[in-house]
Amino acid sequence: MLRFDVVLIIAMIFIYSLNGDQVRKCLSDTDCTNGEKCVQKNKICSTIVEIQRCEKERK
């Protein structure tokens, strides 16, 4: 059975591809643009709103 965080990562990548946005890989916040932050767990740039939404869904 897939772990929830793996499913979440796959869903986030799918959503980004639907929006036509390129998923940006990162090692730190300086690799991201437009106020995005680097999500250390999966090494992709994401907005604060998206990060907070994902954290709420996990609880």
Protein backbone atom coordinates (compact mmCIF):
# COMPACT_ATOMS: atom_id res chain seq x y z
CA MET A 1 0.00 0.00 0.00
CA LEU A 2 1.30 3.44 -0.90
CA ARG A 3 2.13 5.78 1.92
CA PHE A 4 0.02 8.94 2.16
CA ASP A 5 2.98 11.30 1.62
CA VAL A 6 3.91 9.50 -1.62
CA VAL A 7 0.34 9.85 -2.87
CA LEU A 8 0.38 13.54 -1.88
CA ILE A 9 3.60 14.17 -3.81
CA ILE A 10 2.20 12.43 -6.90
CA ALA A 11 -1.02 14.45 -6.63
CA MET A 12 0.92 17.73 -6.30
CA ILE A 13 3.01 16.92 -9.39
CA PHE A 14 -0.16 16.01 -11.33
CA ILE A 15 -1.84 19.29 -10.31
CA TYR A 16 1.22 21.29 -11.34
CA SER A 17 1.24 19.59 -14.75
CA LEU A 18 -2.46 20.39 -15.26
CA ASN A 19 -1.78 24.05 -14.59
CA GLY A 20 1.04 24.06 -17.12
CA ASP A 21 3.52 25.10 -14.46
CA GLN A 22 6.90 23.48 -14.48
CA VAL A 23 7.76 21.78 -11.19
CA ARG A 24 10.98 23.38 -10.01
CA LYS A 25 13.44 21.21 -8.11
CA CYS A 26 15.31 22.92 -5.28
CA LEU A 27 17.89 22.43 -2.58
CA SER A 28 17.08 25.63 -0.67
CA ASP A 29 14.67 28.59 -0.75
CA THR A 30 17.12 30.55 -2.93
CA ASP A 31 16.45 28.13 -5.80
CA CYS A 32 12.76 29.17 -5.87
CA THR A 33 11.12 32.29 -7.33
CA ASN A 34 8.01 34.41 -6.79
CA GLY A 35 8.02 34.02 -3.00
CA GLU A 36 7.94 30.23 -3.15
CA LYS A 37 9.72 28.09 -0.57
CA CYS A 38 11.63 24.84 -1.00
CA VAL A 39 9.75 21.89 0.46
CA GLN A 40 12.65 19.87 1.88
CA LYS A 41 10.73 16.59 1.96
CA ASN A 42 10.24 16.31 -1.79
CA LYS A 43 12.69 18.99 -3.02
CA ILE A 44 10.24 21.06 -5.07
CA CYS A 45 9.35 24.74 -4.91
CA SER A 46 5.88 25.51 -3.59
CA THR A 47 3.91 28.51 -2.42
CA ILE A 48 3.34 29.03 1.30
CA VAL A 49 -0.42 28.60 0.76
CA GLU A 50 0.12 25.20 -0.88
CA ILE A 51 2.50 24.08 1.89
CA GLN A 52 0.06 25.13 4.62
CA ARG A 53 -2.83 23.38 2.85
CA CYS A 54 -0.86 20.14 2.63
CA GLU A 55 0.13 20.33 6.29
CA LYS A 56 -3.52 20.79 7.30
CA GLU A 57 -4.58 17.78 5.20
CA ARG A 58 -2.02 15.57 6.97
CA LYS A 59 -3.43 16.32 10.43
